[in-house]
Amino acid sequence: MMSDDVKFYTAKGDDGTTGLLGKGRVKKYHPRPAACGDVDEAQAALGVARAAMLDPEAAAVVLQAQRDLYHLMAELAAEKDAAHRFRTIDAARIEWLEQQTDAFGARIDLPREFTVSGDSTAGAALDVARTVVRRAERTVVRLYDEGYIENPHLLAYLNRLSSLLFVLSRYEDAVGGQSAVRLAREDDSR
């Protein structure tokens, strides 16, 4: 049971501004909260996809990506002079995404023709998440180009994450057996 004095609102944003991690406030339509909102939406879309996924190992990868996106949002929300305190997205996180993409990509045989989303619920949800991640990437690139953020790894992370989500979508389609995408034979993936 919750205490009567717990509030789920602060009313500080009623004037159309939002606080940054640091001392500043910006308008809610500023590129910084817009990018945070896009990344937050991507994180939530990944949650929807994860809830539908059949393979627990693949779902665990998505959960880790969701956690990474929270760290990424913290850096986006920090004023430039405070951003280093929140920096966890680096070359190692990008390498992890590449390793996951390669590992799950080796488990499937893609058909030669263009694939269309919707062969499985999880695959379709992962495709939606991928498109939201792509939008987030575009808004984060804007922050970077306009000098609001300095960490180029944030851009690379979102770019690699969308690639991973494409592969995981096809993988979940194959796991569900409802697709032209097939699981690679065990001896072919080694």
C-alpha atoms as a PDB file:
ATOM      1  CA  MET A   1       0.000   0.000   0.000  1.00  0.00           C
ATOM      2  CA  MET A   2       1.242   3.468  -0.876  1.00  0.00           C
ATOM      3  CA  SER A   3       1.631   6.350   1.520  1.00  0.00           C
ATOM      4  CA  ASP A   4      -0.808   9.212   1.101  1.00  0.00           C
ATOM      5  CA  ASP A   5       2.044  11.695   0.669  1.00  0.00           C
ATOM      6  CA  VAL A   6       3.556   9.970  -2.420  1.00  0.00           C
ATOM      7  CA  LYS A   7       2.886  12.011  -5.552  1.00  0.00           C
ATOM      8  CA  PHE A   8       3.313  10.901  -9.149  1.00  0.00           C
ATOM      9  CA  TYR A   9       3.620  14.453 -10.427  1.00  0.00           C
ATOM     10  CA  THR A  10       5.759  17.474  -9.616  1.00  0.00           C
ATOM     11  CA  ALA A  11       3.942  20.245 -11.565  1.00  0.00           C
ATOM     12  CA  LYS A  12       7.377  21.699 -12.408  1.00  0.00           C
ATOM     13  CA  GLY A  13       6.729  21.134 -16.106  1.00  0.00           C
ATOM     14  CA  ASP A  14       3.409  22.941 -16.183  1.00  0.00           C
ATOM     15  CA  ASP A  15       5.168  25.968 -17.666  1.00  0.00           C
ATOM     16  CA  GLY A  16       6.216  23.938 -20.728  1.00  0.00           C
ATOM     17  CA  THR A  17       9.785  23.307 -19.595  1.00  0.00           C
ATOM     18  CA  THR A  18      11.637  20.234 -18.421  1.00  0.00           C
ATOM     19  CA  GLY A  19      14.703  19.902 -16.230  1.00  0.00           C
ATOM     20  CA  LEU A  20      18.052  18.660 -17.445  1.00  0.00           C
ATOM     21  CA  LEU A  21      20.472  16.577 -15.403  1.00  0.00           C
ATOM     22  CA  GLY A  22      22.362  19.569 -14.102  1.00  0.00           C
ATOM     23  CA  LYS A  23      20.968  23.005 -13.380  1.00  0.00           C
ATOM     24  CA  GLY A  24      19.237  23.897 -16.624  1.00  0.00           C
ATOM     25  CA  ARG A  25      15.696  23.738 -17.942  1.00  0.00           C
ATOM     26  CA  VAL A  26      14.620  23.765 -21.580  1.00  0.00           C
ATOM     27  CA  LYS A  27      11.329  23.959 -23.432  1.00  0.00           C
ATOM     28  CA  LYS A  28       9.696  20.567 -23.880  1.00  0.00           C
ATOM     29  CA  TYR A  29       9.917  20.933 -27.668  1.00  0.00           C
ATOM     30  CA  HIS A  30      13.697  21.483 -27.492  1.00  0.00           C
ATOM     31  CA  PRO A  31      15.699  18.836 -29.396  1.00  0.00           C
ATOM     32  CA  ARG A  32      17.076  17.370 -26.155  1.00  0.00           C
ATOM     33  CA  PRO A  33      13.766  16.254 -24.561  1.00  0.00           C
ATOM     34  CA  ALA A  34      12.542  15.294 -28.035  1.00  0.00           C
ATOM     35  CA  ALA A  35      15.482  12.898 -28.382  1.00  0.00           C
ATOM     36  CA  CYS A  36      14.969  11.565 -24.847  1.00  0.00           C
ATOM     37  CA  GLY A  37      11.311  10.980 -25.673  1.00  0.00           C
ATOM     38  CA  ASP A  38      12.182   9.094 -28.850  1.00  0.00           C
ATOM     39  CA  VAL A  39      14.666   6.885 -26.984  1.00  0.00           C
ATOM     40  CA  ASP A  40      12.124   6.338 -24.200  1.00  0.00           C
ATOM     41  CA  GLU A  41       9.562   5.282 -26.811  1.00  0.00           C
ATOM     42  CA  ALA A  42      12.131   2.894 -28.324  1.00  0.00           C
ATOM     43  CA  GLN A  43      12.785   1.392 -24.888  1.00  0.00           C
ATOM     44  CA  ALA A  44       9.041   0.884 -24.360  1.00  0.00           C
ATOM     45  CA  ALA A  45       8.613  -0.625 -27.837  1.00  0.00           C
ATOM     46  CA  LEU A  46      11.388  -3.076 -26.979  1.00  0.00           C
ATOM     47  CA  GLY A  47       9.430  -4.015 -23.870  1.00  0.00           C
ATOM     48  CA  VAL A  48       6.359  -4.838 -25.950  1.00  0.00           C
ATOM     49  CA  ALA A  49       8.508  -6.954 -28.249  1.00  0.00           C
ATOM     50  CA  ARG A  50      10.247  -8.716 -25.362  1.00  0.00           C
ATOM     51  CA  ALA A  51       6.888  -9.636 -23.829  1.00  0.00           C
ATOM     52  CA  ALA A  52       5.979 -11.465 -27.048  1.00  0.00           C
ATOM     53  CA  MET A  53       9.329 -13.168 -27.704  1.00  0.00           C
ATOM     54  CA  LEU A  54       9.559 -16.953 -27.742  1.00  0.00           C
ATOM     55  CA  ASP A  55      13.300 -17.397 -27.191  1.00  0.00           C
ATOM     56  CA  PRO A  56      14.376 -16.498 -23.631  1.00  0.00           C
ATOM     57  CA  GLU A  57      18.002 -15.946 -24.702  1.00  0.00           C
ATOM     58  CA  ALA A  58      16.955 -13.435 -27.351  1.00  0.00           C
ATOM     59  CA  ALA A  59      14.590 -11.771 -24.866  1.00  0.00           C
ATOM     60  CA  ALA A  60      17.485 -11.376 -22.413  1.00  0.00           C
ATOM     61  CA  VAL A  61      19.458  -9.539 -25.119  1.00  0.00           C
ATOM     62  CA  VAL A  62      16.517  -7.187 -25.646  1.00  0.00           C
ATOM     63  CA  LEU A  63      16.256  -6.582 -21.896  1.00  0.00           C
ATOM     64  CA  GLN A  64      19.939  -5.607 -21.791  1.00  0.00           C
ATOM     65  CA  ALA A  65      19.382  -3.221 -24.710  1.00  0.00           C
ATOM     66  CA  GLN A  66      16.471  -1.657 -22.801  1.00  0.00           C
ATOM     67  CA  ARG A  67      18.777  -1.084 -19.839  1.00  0.00           C
ATOM     68  CA  ASP A  68      21.388   0.433 -22.133  1.00  0.00           C
ATOM     69  CA  LEU A  69      18.784   2.823 -23.516  1.00  0.00           C
ATOM     70  CA  TYR A  70      18.075   4.105 -19.992  1.00  0.00           C
ATOM     71  CA  HIS A  71      21.780   4.913 -19.638  1.00  0.00           C
ATOM     72  CA  LEU A  72      21.775   6.508 -23.071  1.00  0.00           C
ATOM     73  CA  MET A  73      18.793   8.692 -22.087  1.00  0.00           C
ATOM     74  CA  ALA A  74      20.589   9.857 -18.955  1.00  0.00           C
ATOM     75  CA  GLU A  75      23.507  11.079 -21.023  1.00  0.00           C
ATOM     76  CA  LEU A  76      21.132  12.787 -23.464  1.00  0.00           C
ATOM     77  CA  ALA A  77      19.326  14.508 -20.593  1.00  0.00           C
ATOM     78  CA  ALA A  78      22.535  15.775 -18.981  1.00  0.00           C
ATOM     79  CA  GLU A  79      23.889  19.228 -19.576  1.00  0.00           C
ATOM     80  CA  LYS A  80      27.099  19.126 -21.566  1.00  0.00           C
ATOM     81  CA  ASP A  81      29.359  19.697 -18.560  1.00  0.00           C
ATOM     82  CA  ALA A  82      27.626  16.916 -16.582  1.00  0.00           C
ATOM     83  CA  ALA A  83      27.305  14.319 -19.365  1.00  0.00           C
ATOM     84  CA  HIS A  84      30.557  12.516 -18.514  1.00  0.00           C
ATOM     85  CA  ARG A  85      29.036  11.467 -15.161  1.00  0.00           C
ATOM     86  CA  PHE A  86      26.366   9.480 -17.014  1.00  0.00           C
ATOM     87  CA  ARG A  87      28.514   8.043 -19.819  1.00  0.00           C
ATOM     88  CA  THR A  88      28.242   4.250 -20.062  1.00  0.00           C
ATOM     89  CA  ILE A  89      27.649   3.845 -23.798  1.00  0.00           C
ATOM     90  CA  ASP A  90      31.069   3.298 -25.303  1.00  0.00           C
ATOM     91  CA  ALA A  91      32.872   1.156 -27.857  1.00  0.00           C
ATOM     92  CA  ALA A  92      32.426  -1.949 -25.681  1.00  0.00           C
ATOM     93  CA  ARG A  93      28.619  -1.606 -25.754  1.00  0.00           C
ATOM     94  CA  ILE A  94      28.698  -1.253 -29.545  1.00  0.00           C
ATOM     95  CA  GLU A  95      30.921  -4.326 -29.788  1.00  0.00           C
ATOM     96  CA  TRP A  96      28.404  -6.231 -27.639  1.00  0.00           C
ATOM     97  CA  LEU A  97      25.615  -5.313 -30.069  1.00  0.00           C
ATOM     98  CA  GLU A  98      27.723  -6.462 -33.016  1.00  0.00           C
ATOM     99  CA  GLN A  99      28.468  -9.770 -31.278  1.00  0.00           C
ATOM    100  CA  GLN A 100      24.773 -10.356 -30.598  1.00  0.00           C
ATOM    101  CA  THR A 101      23.843  -9.460 -34.172  1.00  0.00           C
ATOM    102  CA  ASP A 102      26.446 -11.859 -35.555  1.00  0.00           C
ATOM    103  CA  ALA A 103      25.471 -14.660 -33.160  1.00  0.00           C
ATOM    104  CA  PHE A 104      21.735 -14.505 -33.869  1.00  0.00           C
ATOM    105  CA  GLY A 105      22.346 -13.843 -37.566  1.00  0.00           C
ATOM    106  CA  ALA A 106      24.280 -17.111 -37.759  1.00  0.00           C
ATOM    107  CA  ARG A 107      21.206 -18.952 -36.477  1.00  0.00           C
ATOM    108  CA  ILE A 108      18.974 -18.055 -39.441  1.00  0.00           C
ATOM    109  CA  ASP A 109      18.938 -18.460 -43.190  1.00  0.00           C
ATOM    110  CA  LEU A 110      17.343 -15.408 -44.759  1.00  0.00           C
ATOM    111  CA  PRO A 111      15.375 -15.882 -47.960  1.00  0.00           C
ATOM    112  CA  ARG A 112      16.676 -14.127 -51.064  1.00  0.00           C
ATOM    113  CA  GLU A 113      13.548 -12.029 -51.477  1.00  0.00           C
ATOM    114  CA  PHE A 114      12.577  -8.989 -49.407  1.00  0.00           C
ATOM    115  CA  THR A 115      11.034  -9.906 -46.053  1.00  0.00           C
ATOM    116  CA  VAL A 116       7.802  -8.294 -44.892  1.00  0.00           C
ATOM    117  CA  SER A 117       6.956  -7.785 -41.234  1.00  0.00           C
ATOM    118  CA  GLY A 118       4.130  -9.713 -39.610  1.00  0.00           C
ATOM    119  CA  ASP A 119       5.058 -13.392 -39.758  1.00  0.00           C
ATOM    120  CA  SER A 120       5.021 -13.568 -35.961  1.00  0.00           C
ATOM    121  CA  THR A 121       3.815 -11.274 -33.198  1.00  0.00           C
ATOM    122  CA  ALA A 122       7.290 -10.966 -31.692  1.00  0.00           C
ATOM    123  CA  GLY A 123       8.907 -10.387 -35.073  1.00  0.00           C
ATOM    124  CA  ALA A 124       6.416  -7.657 -35.936  1.00  0.00           C
ATOM    125  CA  ALA A 125       6.897  -6.002 -32.532  1.00  0.00           C
ATOM    126  CA  LEU A 126      10.665  -6.095 -33.010  1.00  0.00           C
ATOM    127  CA  ASP A 127      10.229  -4.463 -36.426  1.00  0.00           C
ATOM    128  CA  VAL A 128       8.148  -1.681 -34.873  1.00  0.00           C
ATOM    129  CA  ALA A 129      10.834  -1.222 -32.216  1.00  0.00           C
ATOM    130  CA  ARG A 130      13.482  -1.085 -34.965  1.00  0.00           C
ATOM    131  CA  THR A 131      11.671   1.756 -36.729  1.00  0.00           C
ATOM    132  CA  VAL A 132      11.304   3.669 -33.453  1.00  0.00           C
ATOM    133  CA  VAL A 133      15.033   3.184 -32.784  1.00  0.00           C
ATOM    134  CA  ARG A 134      15.754   4.584 -36.267  1.00  0.00           C
ATOM    135  CA  ARG A 135      13.686   7.677 -35.441  1.00  0.00           C
ATOM    136  CA  ALA A 136      15.535   8.051 -32.140  1.00  0.00           C
ATOM    137  CA  GLU A 137      18.807   7.766 -34.022  1.00  0.00           C
ATOM    138  CA  ARG A 138      17.796  10.661 -36.284  1.00  0.00           C
ATOM    139  CA  THR A 139      16.964  12.923 -33.339  1.00  0.00           C
ATOM    140  CA  VAL A 140      20.164  11.981 -31.497  1.00  0.00           C
ATOM    141  CA  VAL A 141      22.183  12.750 -34.642  1.00  0.00           C
ATOM    142  CA  ARG A 142      20.592  16.200 -34.593  1.00  0.00           C
ATOM    143  CA  LEU A 143      21.721  16.722 -30.979  1.00  0.00           C
ATOM    144  CA  TYR A 144      25.225  15.645 -31.923  1.00  0.00           C
ATOM    145  CA  ASP A 145      25.386  17.810 -35.043  1.00  0.00           C
ATOM    146  CA  GLU A 146      24.072  20.845 -33.153  1.00  0.00           C
ATOM    147  CA  GLY A 147      26.664  20.390 -30.396  1.00  0.00           C
ATOM    148  CA  TYR A 148      24.363  19.421 -27.520  1.00  0.00           C
ATOM    149  CA  ILE A 149      26.108  16.073 -27.007  1.00  0.00           C
ATOM    150  CA  GLU A 150      29.679  14.975 -27.651  1.00  0.00           C
ATOM    151  CA  ASN A 151      29.651  11.171 -27.420  1.00  0.00           C
ATOM    152  CA  PRO A 152      29.634   9.684 -30.949  1.00  0.00           C
ATOM    153  CA  HIS A 153      29.090   6.229 -29.451  1.00  0.00           C
ATOM    154  CA  LEU A 154      25.448   7.154 -28.790  1.00  0.00           C
ATOM    155  CA  LEU A 155      24.859   7.433 -32.541  1.00  0.00           C
ATOM    156  CA  ALA A 156      26.678   4.191 -33.299  1.00  0.00           C
ATOM    157  CA  TYR A 157      24.805   2.366 -30.529  1.00  0.00           C
ATOM    158  CA  LEU A 158      21.402   3.252 -31.959  1.00  0.00           C
ATOM    159  CA  ASN A 159      22.552   2.373 -35.468  1.00  0.00           C
ATOM    160  CA  ARG A 160      23.805  -1.065 -34.396  1.00  0.00           C
ATOM    161  CA  LEU A 161      20.730  -1.654 -32.248  1.00  0.00           C
ATOM    162  CA  SER A 162      18.477  -1.258 -35.278  1.00  0.00           C
ATOM    163  CA  SER A 163      20.560  -3.867 -37.117  1.00  0.00           C
ATOM    164  CA  LEU A 164      20.276  -6.246 -34.178  1.00  0.00           C
ATOM    165  CA  LEU A 165      16.513  -5.755 -34.064  1.00  0.00           C
ATOM    166  CA  PHE A 166      16.210  -6.622 -37.762  1.00  0.00           C
ATOM    167  CA  VAL A 167      18.074  -9.877 -37.136  1.00  0.00           C
ATOM    168  CA  LEU A 168      16.117 -10.668 -33.962  1.00  0.00           C
ATOM    169  CA  SER A 169      12.852 -10.029 -35.789  1.00  0.00           C
ATOM    170  CA  ARG A 170      13.739 -12.542 -38.478  1.00  0.00           C
ATOM    171  CA  TYR A 171      15.027 -14.944 -35.815  1.00  0.00           C
ATOM    172  CA  GLU A 172      11.769 -14.782 -33.822  1.00  0.00           C
ATOM    173  CA  ASP A 173       9.820 -15.302 -37.066  1.00  0.00           C
ATOM    174  CA  ALA A 174      11.868 -18.447 -37.672  1.00  0.00           C
ATOM    175  CA  VAL A 175      11.508 -19.670 -34.081  1.00  0.00           C
ATOM    176  CA  GLY A 176       7.756 -19.283 -34.444  1.00  0.00           C
ATOM    177  CA  GLY A 177       7.843 -21.326 -37.650  1.00  0.00           C
ATOM    178  CA  GLN A 178       5.579 -18.866 -39.467  1.00  0.00           C
ATOM    179  CA  SER A 179       8.042 -17.448 -41.955  1.00  0.00           C
ATOM    180  CA  ALA A 180      10.119 -18.000 -45.055  1.00  0.00           C
ATOM    181  CA  VAL A 181      13.065 -17.325 -42.731  1.00  0.00           C
ATOM    182  CA  ARG A 182      14.424 -20.618 -41.483  1.00  0.00           C
ATOM    183  CA  LEU A 183      16.641 -21.551 -38.592  1.00  0.00           C
ATOM    184  CA  ALA A 184      20.102 -22.474 -39.815  1.00  0.00           C
ATOM    185  CA  ARG A 185      21.036 -26.092 -39.423  1.00  0.00           C
ATOM    186  CA  GLU A 186      23.073 -26.675 -36.290  1.00  0.00           C
ATOM    187  CA  ASP A 187      26.195 -27.712 -38.230  1.00  0.00           C
ATOM    188  CA  ASP A 188      25.904 -24.701 -40.601  1.00  0.00           C
ATOM    189  CA  SER A 189      26.043 -22.109 -37.829  1.00  0.00           C
ATOM    190  CA  ARG A 190      29.368 -23.224 -36.410  1.00  0.00           C
END
